N, C-alpha and C. Protein backbone atom coordinates (compact mmCIF):
# COMPACT_ATOMS: atom_id res chain seq x y z
N UNK A 1 -3.05 -8.70 2.30
CA UNK A 1 -1.64 -8.40 2.32
C UNK A 1 -1.45 -6.96 2.78
N UNK A 2 -0.46 -6.73 3.65
CA UNK A 2 -0.18 -5.39 4.18
C UNK A 2 1.32 -5.20 4.27
N UNK A 3 1.83 -4.12 3.67
CA UNK A 3 3.25 -3.78 3.78
C UNK A 3 3.49 -3.32 5.21
N UNK A 4 4.50 -3.91 5.86
CA UNK A 4 4.80 -3.53 7.24
C UNK A 4 6.05 -2.68 7.36
N UNK A 5 7.02 -2.87 6.46
CA UNK A 5 8.25 -2.08 6.49
C UNK A 5 8.80 -1.91 5.09
N UNK A 6 9.45 -0.78 4.87
CA UNK A 6 10.23 -0.55 3.66
C UNK A 6 11.61 -0.12 4.11
N UNK A 7 12.63 -0.74 3.55
CA UNK A 7 14.02 -0.40 3.84
C UNK A 7 14.59 0.28 2.60
N UNK A 8 15.10 1.50 2.76
CA UNK A 8 15.67 2.26 1.66
C UNK A 8 17.10 2.63 2.03
N UNK A 9 18.04 2.31 1.15
CA UNK A 9 19.42 2.77 1.31
C UNK A 9 19.63 3.87 0.28
N UNK A 10 20.11 5.03 0.74
CA UNK A 10 20.23 6.18 -0.16
C UNK A 10 21.42 7.04 0.22
N UNK A 11 21.98 7.66 -0.79
CA UNK A 11 23.03 8.67 -0.63
C UNK A 11 22.72 9.76 -1.64
N UNK A 12 23.51 9.82 -2.73
CA UNK A 12 23.23 10.76 -3.81
C UNK A 12 22.03 10.33 -4.65
N UNK A 13 21.62 9.08 -4.47
CA UNK A 13 20.46 8.53 -5.18
C UNK A 13 19.96 7.34 -4.35
N UNK A 14 18.95 6.64 -4.87
CA UNK A 14 18.43 5.47 -4.17
C UNK A 14 19.28 4.27 -4.54
N UNK A 15 20.03 3.77 -3.56
CA UNK A 15 20.93 2.64 -3.79
C UNK A 15 20.18 1.32 -3.82
N UNK A 16 19.26 1.12 -2.86
CA UNK A 16 18.53 -0.15 -2.81
C UNK A 16 17.22 0.03 -2.05
N UNK A 17 16.35 -0.96 -2.24
CA UNK A 17 15.06 -0.96 -1.55
C UNK A 17 14.66 -2.40 -1.29
N UNK A 18 14.01 -2.64 -0.17
CA UNK A 18 13.44 -3.95 0.14
C UNK A 18 12.20 -3.77 0.99
N UNK A 19 11.38 -4.81 1.04
CA UNK A 19 10.06 -4.73 1.68
C UNK A 19 9.84 -5.90 2.62
N UNK A 20 9.05 -5.69 3.66
CA UNK A 20 8.46 -6.79 4.42
C UNK A 20 6.96 -6.57 4.43
N UNK A 21 6.23 -7.67 4.45
CA UNK A 21 4.77 -7.57 4.39
C UNK A 21 4.15 -8.77 5.07
N UNK A 22 2.94 -8.56 5.58
CA UNK A 22 2.12 -9.65 6.10
C UNK A 22 1.37 -10.24 4.92
N UNK A 23 1.59 -11.52 4.66
CA UNK A 23 0.92 -12.18 3.55
C UNK A 23 -0.50 -12.57 3.90
N UNK A 24 -1.22 -13.03 2.88
CA UNK A 24 -2.59 -13.50 3.10
C UNK A 24 -2.60 -14.73 3.99
N UNK A 25 -1.44 -15.39 4.13
CA UNK A 25 -1.32 -16.55 5.00
C UNK A 25 -1.09 -16.16 6.46
N UNK A 26 -1.03 -14.83 6.74
CA UNK A 26 -0.83 -14.36 8.10
C UNK A 26 0.62 -14.36 8.54
N UNK A 27 1.54 -14.71 7.63
CA UNK A 27 2.97 -14.79 7.95
C UNK A 27 3.67 -13.56 7.39
N UNK A 28 4.67 -13.06 8.14
CA UNK A 28 5.48 -11.93 7.71
C UNK A 28 6.52 -12.42 6.70
N UNK A 29 6.57 -11.79 5.53
CA UNK A 29 7.50 -12.16 4.47
C UNK A 29 8.43 -11.00 4.18
N UNK A 30 9.61 -11.30 3.67
CA UNK A 30 10.56 -10.26 3.28
C UNK A 30 11.05 -10.47 1.87
N UNK A 31 11.26 -9.38 1.16
CA UNK A 31 11.82 -9.46 -0.19
C UNK A 31 13.33 -9.39 -0.09
N UNK A 32 14.03 -9.76 -1.15
CA UNK A 32 15.46 -9.47 -1.18
C UNK A 32 15.66 -7.96 -1.31
N UNK A 33 16.88 -7.51 -1.08
CA UNK A 33 17.21 -6.10 -1.34
C UNK A 33 17.48 -5.97 -2.83
N UNK A 34 16.81 -5.01 -3.47
CA UNK A 34 17.01 -4.76 -4.88
C UNK A 34 17.91 -3.55 -5.02
N UNK A 35 19.02 -3.68 -5.73
CA UNK A 35 19.96 -2.59 -5.93
C UNK A 35 21.33 -2.93 -5.39
N UNK A 36 22.10 -1.89 -5.12
CA UNK A 36 23.49 -2.06 -4.69
C UNK A 36 23.65 -2.02 -3.18
N UNK A 37 24.91 -1.91 -2.77
CA UNK A 37 25.26 -1.99 -1.34
C UNK A 37 25.58 -0.65 -0.69
N UNK A 38 25.51 0.45 -1.45
CA UNK A 38 25.89 1.74 -0.89
C UNK A 38 24.77 2.44 -0.17
N UNK A 39 25.05 3.67 0.24
CA UNK A 39 24.04 4.52 0.85
C UNK A 39 23.85 4.30 2.33
N UNK A 40 23.12 5.21 2.93
CA UNK A 40 22.75 5.12 4.33
C UNK A 40 21.42 4.41 4.44
N UNK A 41 21.30 3.49 5.39
CA UNK A 41 20.09 2.68 5.54
C UNK A 41 19.01 3.43 6.33
N UNK A 42 17.78 3.35 5.82
CA UNK A 42 16.61 3.94 6.46
C UNK A 42 15.52 2.87 6.53
N UNK A 43 14.79 2.82 7.64
CA UNK A 43 13.70 1.87 7.79
C UNK A 43 12.41 2.62 8.06
N UNK A 44 11.39 2.33 7.25
CA UNK A 44 10.06 2.88 7.46
C UNK A 44 9.22 1.75 8.03
N UNK A 45 8.64 1.97 9.21
CA UNK A 45 7.75 0.98 9.82
C UNK A 45 6.34 1.54 9.81
N UNK A 46 5.42 0.81 9.21
CA UNK A 46 4.03 1.25 9.12
C UNK A 46 3.24 0.72 10.31
N UNK A 47 2.51 1.60 10.95
CA UNK A 47 1.68 1.20 12.09
C UNK A 47 0.38 0.59 11.57
N UNK A 48 -0.32 -0.11 12.42
CA UNK A 48 -1.60 -0.72 12.05
C UNK A 48 -2.53 0.37 11.53
N UNK A 49 -3.16 0.13 10.38
CA UNK A 49 -4.06 1.09 9.78
C UNK A 49 -3.40 2.12 8.88
N UNK A 50 -2.07 2.16 8.86
CA UNK A 50 -1.36 3.11 7.99
C UNK A 50 -1.25 2.53 6.59
N UNK A 51 -1.67 3.31 5.61
CA UNK A 51 -1.63 2.86 4.21
C UNK A 51 -0.93 3.90 3.35
N UNK A 52 -0.24 3.44 2.33
CA UNK A 52 0.45 4.33 1.40
C UNK A 52 -0.59 4.99 0.50
N UNK A 53 -0.50 6.32 0.40
CA UNK A 53 -1.42 7.07 -0.43
C UNK A 53 -0.75 7.70 -1.65
N UNK A 54 0.57 7.86 -1.59
CA UNK A 54 1.29 8.46 -2.72
C UNK A 54 2.77 8.19 -2.57
N UNK A 55 3.43 8.01 -3.69
CA UNK A 55 4.89 7.90 -3.73
C UNK A 55 5.38 8.99 -4.67
N UNK A 56 6.30 9.79 -4.18
CA UNK A 56 6.88 10.85 -5.00
C UNK A 56 8.39 10.70 -5.02
N UNK A 57 9.01 11.35 -5.96
CA UNK A 57 10.46 11.30 -6.03
C UNK A 57 10.98 12.07 -7.20
N UNK A 58 12.26 11.85 -7.46
CA UNK A 58 12.93 12.46 -8.60
C UNK A 58 13.81 11.42 -9.27
N UNK A 59 14.10 11.66 -10.54
CA UNK A 59 15.05 10.82 -11.26
C UNK A 59 15.98 11.71 -12.06
N UNK A 60 17.18 11.21 -12.30
CA UNK A 60 18.17 11.98 -13.05
C UNK A 60 19.42 11.15 -13.26
N UNK A 61 20.44 11.79 -13.81
CA UNK A 61 21.70 11.11 -14.09
C UNK A 61 22.55 10.99 -12.84
N UNK A 62 23.16 9.84 -12.70
CA UNK A 62 24.15 9.60 -11.64
C UNK A 62 25.27 8.82 -12.31
N UNK A 63 26.42 9.48 -12.48
CA UNK A 63 27.47 8.86 -13.27
C UNK A 63 27.00 8.76 -14.71
N UNK A 64 27.02 7.58 -15.26
CA UNK A 64 26.58 7.35 -16.64
C UNK A 64 25.17 6.77 -16.72
N UNK A 65 24.48 6.66 -15.59
CA UNK A 65 23.18 5.99 -15.57
C UNK A 65 22.06 6.94 -15.19
N UNK A 66 20.87 6.65 -15.70
CA UNK A 66 19.64 7.34 -15.27
C UNK A 66 19.09 6.54 -14.11
N UNK A 67 18.88 7.19 -12.95
CA UNK A 67 18.49 6.49 -11.72
C UNK A 67 17.42 7.28 -10.98
N UNK A 68 16.81 6.63 -9.99
CA UNK A 68 15.92 7.31 -9.06
C UNK A 68 16.82 8.04 -8.05
N UNK A 69 16.69 9.36 -7.98
CA UNK A 69 17.56 10.14 -7.09
C UNK A 69 16.95 10.38 -5.72
N UNK A 70 15.61 10.34 -5.62
CA UNK A 70 14.98 10.49 -4.31
C UNK A 70 13.62 9.80 -4.30
N UNK A 71 13.18 9.41 -3.10
CA UNK A 71 11.86 8.82 -2.89
C UNK A 71 11.26 9.36 -1.60
N UNK A 72 9.96 9.61 -1.62
CA UNK A 72 9.18 9.91 -0.42
C UNK A 72 7.93 9.04 -0.45
N UNK A 73 7.51 8.58 0.72
CA UNK A 73 6.33 7.75 0.85
C UNK A 73 5.31 8.51 1.70
N UNK A 74 4.18 8.89 1.10
CA UNK A 74 3.09 9.54 1.83
C UNK A 74 2.09 8.47 2.26
N UNK A 75 1.58 8.61 3.49
CA UNK A 75 0.57 7.70 4.00
C UNK A 75 -0.57 8.51 4.60
N UNK A 76 -1.59 7.83 5.05
CA UNK A 76 -2.68 8.50 5.73
C UNK A 76 -2.26 9.02 7.11
N UNK A 77 -1.03 8.72 7.54
CA UNK A 77 -0.52 9.18 8.84
C UNK A 77 0.58 10.24 8.72
N UNK A 78 1.11 10.47 7.49
CA UNK A 78 2.18 11.44 7.33
C UNK A 78 3.09 11.09 6.18
N UNK A 79 4.26 11.74 6.13
CA UNK A 79 5.23 11.54 5.06
C UNK A 79 6.51 10.95 5.61
N UNK A 80 7.05 9.97 4.90
CA UNK A 80 8.35 9.38 5.21
C UNK A 80 9.31 9.80 4.10
N UNK A 81 10.36 10.51 4.48
CA UNK A 81 11.33 10.95 3.49
C UNK A 81 11.29 12.45 3.31
N UNK A 82 12.01 12.97 2.35
CA UNK A 82 12.60 12.25 1.23
C UNK A 82 13.91 11.55 1.59
N UNK A 83 14.18 10.49 0.88
CA UNK A 83 15.42 9.74 0.97
C UNK A 83 16.17 9.96 -0.33
N UNK A 84 17.50 10.11 -0.26
CA UNK A 84 18.30 10.45 -1.43
C UNK A 84 18.37 11.96 -1.58
N UNK A 85 18.82 12.39 -2.77
CA UNK A 85 18.92 13.82 -3.06
C UNK A 85 17.80 14.22 -4.00
N UNK A 86 17.06 15.24 -3.59
CA UNK A 86 15.89 15.71 -4.33
C UNK A 86 16.33 16.57 -5.51
N UNK A 87 16.96 15.92 -6.51
CA UNK A 87 17.43 16.61 -7.72
C UNK A 87 16.94 15.84 -8.94
N UNK A 88 16.74 16.55 -10.03
CA UNK A 88 16.29 15.90 -11.26
C UNK A 88 14.83 16.19 -11.54
N UNK A 89 14.23 15.32 -12.32
CA UNK A 89 12.84 15.46 -12.74
C UNK A 89 11.92 14.77 -11.74
N UNK A 90 10.88 15.46 -11.32
CA UNK A 90 9.96 14.92 -10.31
C UNK A 90 8.94 13.97 -10.91
N UNK A 91 8.45 13.07 -10.07
CA UNK A 91 7.35 12.19 -10.44
C UNK A 91 6.46 11.98 -9.22
N UNK A 92 5.21 11.58 -9.47
CA UNK A 92 4.26 11.33 -8.40
C UNK A 92 3.36 10.17 -8.79
N UNK A 93 3.19 9.23 -7.87
CA UNK A 93 2.30 8.08 -8.05
C UNK A 93 1.23 8.13 -6.96
N UNK A 94 0.16 8.92 -7.18
CA UNK A 94 -0.90 8.98 -6.17
C UNK A 94 -1.92 7.86 -6.39
N UNK A 95 -2.61 7.49 -5.32
CA UNK A 95 -3.72 6.55 -5.47
C UNK A 95 -4.88 7.09 -4.64
N UNK A 96 -6.04 7.23 -5.27
CA UNK A 96 -7.20 7.77 -4.58
C UNK A 96 -8.36 6.78 -4.53
N UNK A 97 -8.38 5.80 -5.43
CA UNK A 97 -9.50 4.86 -5.49
C UNK A 97 -8.98 3.43 -5.50
N UNK A 98 -8.11 3.10 -4.59
CA UNK A 98 -7.54 1.77 -4.51
C UNK A 98 -6.40 1.74 -3.52
N UNK A 99 -5.52 0.75 -3.69
CA UNK A 99 -4.37 0.65 -2.79
C UNK A 99 -3.18 0.07 -3.52
N UNK A 100 -1.99 0.41 -3.04
CA UNK A 100 -0.76 -0.17 -3.56
C UNK A 100 -0.69 -1.61 -3.09
N UNK A 101 -0.47 -2.54 -4.02
CA UNK A 101 -0.33 -3.95 -3.62
C UNK A 101 1.01 -4.55 -4.06
N UNK A 102 1.78 -3.81 -4.80
CA UNK A 102 3.07 -4.32 -5.23
C UNK A 102 3.88 -3.25 -5.92
N UNK A 103 5.14 -3.55 -6.12
CA UNK A 103 6.06 -2.63 -6.77
C UNK A 103 6.93 -3.39 -7.75
N UNK A 104 7.45 -2.69 -8.73
CA UNK A 104 8.36 -3.30 -9.70
C UNK A 104 9.36 -2.24 -10.14
N UNK A 105 10.39 -2.65 -10.82
CA UNK A 105 11.37 -1.69 -11.31
C UNK A 105 12.57 -2.40 -11.88
N UNK A 106 13.58 -1.60 -12.19
CA UNK A 106 14.85 -2.13 -12.65
C UNK A 106 15.95 -1.59 -11.75
N UNK A 107 17.03 -2.34 -11.67
CA UNK A 107 18.12 -1.93 -10.79
C UNK A 107 19.43 -2.55 -11.27
N UNK A 108 20.50 -1.94 -10.82
CA UNK A 108 21.86 -2.42 -10.96
C UNK A 108 22.51 -2.08 -9.63
N UNK A 109 23.50 -1.19 -9.68
CA UNK A 109 24.08 -0.70 -8.43
C UNK A 109 23.15 0.30 -7.74
N UNK A 110 22.18 0.82 -8.49
CA UNK A 110 21.20 1.79 -7.98
C UNK A 110 19.83 1.41 -8.52
N UNK A 111 18.79 2.00 -7.95
CA UNK A 111 17.44 1.80 -8.48
C UNK A 111 17.30 2.67 -9.72
N UNK A 112 17.01 2.03 -10.86
CA UNK A 112 16.94 2.75 -12.13
C UNK A 112 15.52 3.14 -12.52
N UNK A 113 14.55 2.34 -12.13
CA UNK A 113 13.15 2.69 -12.37
C UNK A 113 12.31 2.10 -11.26
N UNK A 114 11.13 2.70 -11.08
CA UNK A 114 10.28 2.31 -9.96
C UNK A 114 8.83 2.48 -10.38
N UNK A 115 8.02 1.46 -10.20
CA UNK A 115 6.61 1.54 -10.53
C UNK A 115 5.78 0.84 -9.48
N UNK A 116 4.48 1.01 -9.57
CA UNK A 116 3.57 0.46 -8.57
C UNK A 116 2.46 -0.34 -9.23
N UNK A 117 2.00 -1.35 -8.51
CA UNK A 117 0.84 -2.13 -8.91
C UNK A 117 -0.29 -1.73 -7.98
N UNK A 118 -1.41 -1.33 -8.57
CA UNK A 118 -2.55 -0.85 -7.78
C UNK A 118 -3.70 -1.83 -7.87
N UNK A 119 -4.45 -1.91 -6.79
CA UNK A 119 -5.67 -2.72 -6.77
C UNK A 119 -6.83 -1.78 -6.45
N UNK A 120 -7.82 -1.74 -7.34
CA UNK A 120 -8.98 -0.87 -7.05
C UNK A 120 -9.78 -1.41 -5.86
N UNK A 121 -10.43 -0.50 -5.15
CA UNK A 121 -11.34 -0.92 -4.09
C UNK A 121 -12.53 -1.61 -4.73
N UNK A 122 -13.00 -2.69 -4.14
CA UNK A 122 -14.18 -3.36 -4.68
C UNK A 122 -15.43 -2.62 -4.21
N UNK A 123 -16.45 -2.65 -5.02
CA UNK A 123 -17.69 -1.94 -4.69
C UNK A 123 -18.59 -2.76 -3.81
């Protein structure tokens, strides 16, 4: 499985996120958009051999909710982002001995939490 694109809509915070990936069946799949309908749309396209090495961002209050306010995606080819406003408390999800194979989180009108599923490299 390989992530081929990430779509992020952002303004004052991360409004929504969605993914496309090549499945183990060799077919390109797309996720639904998670989150609301606001923000400016951004598309990250990963080239062959490009892998995510770290995800960084910030979280903080937006209105009455605690949300992800910014996201950046680091790869072995460079950095995509930041998207949103880089305000609030920072976080970093680096991977040095494996790879990102999935993501999870909570959302409403905005992305409220964001996490990653990692797969260790086999020996």
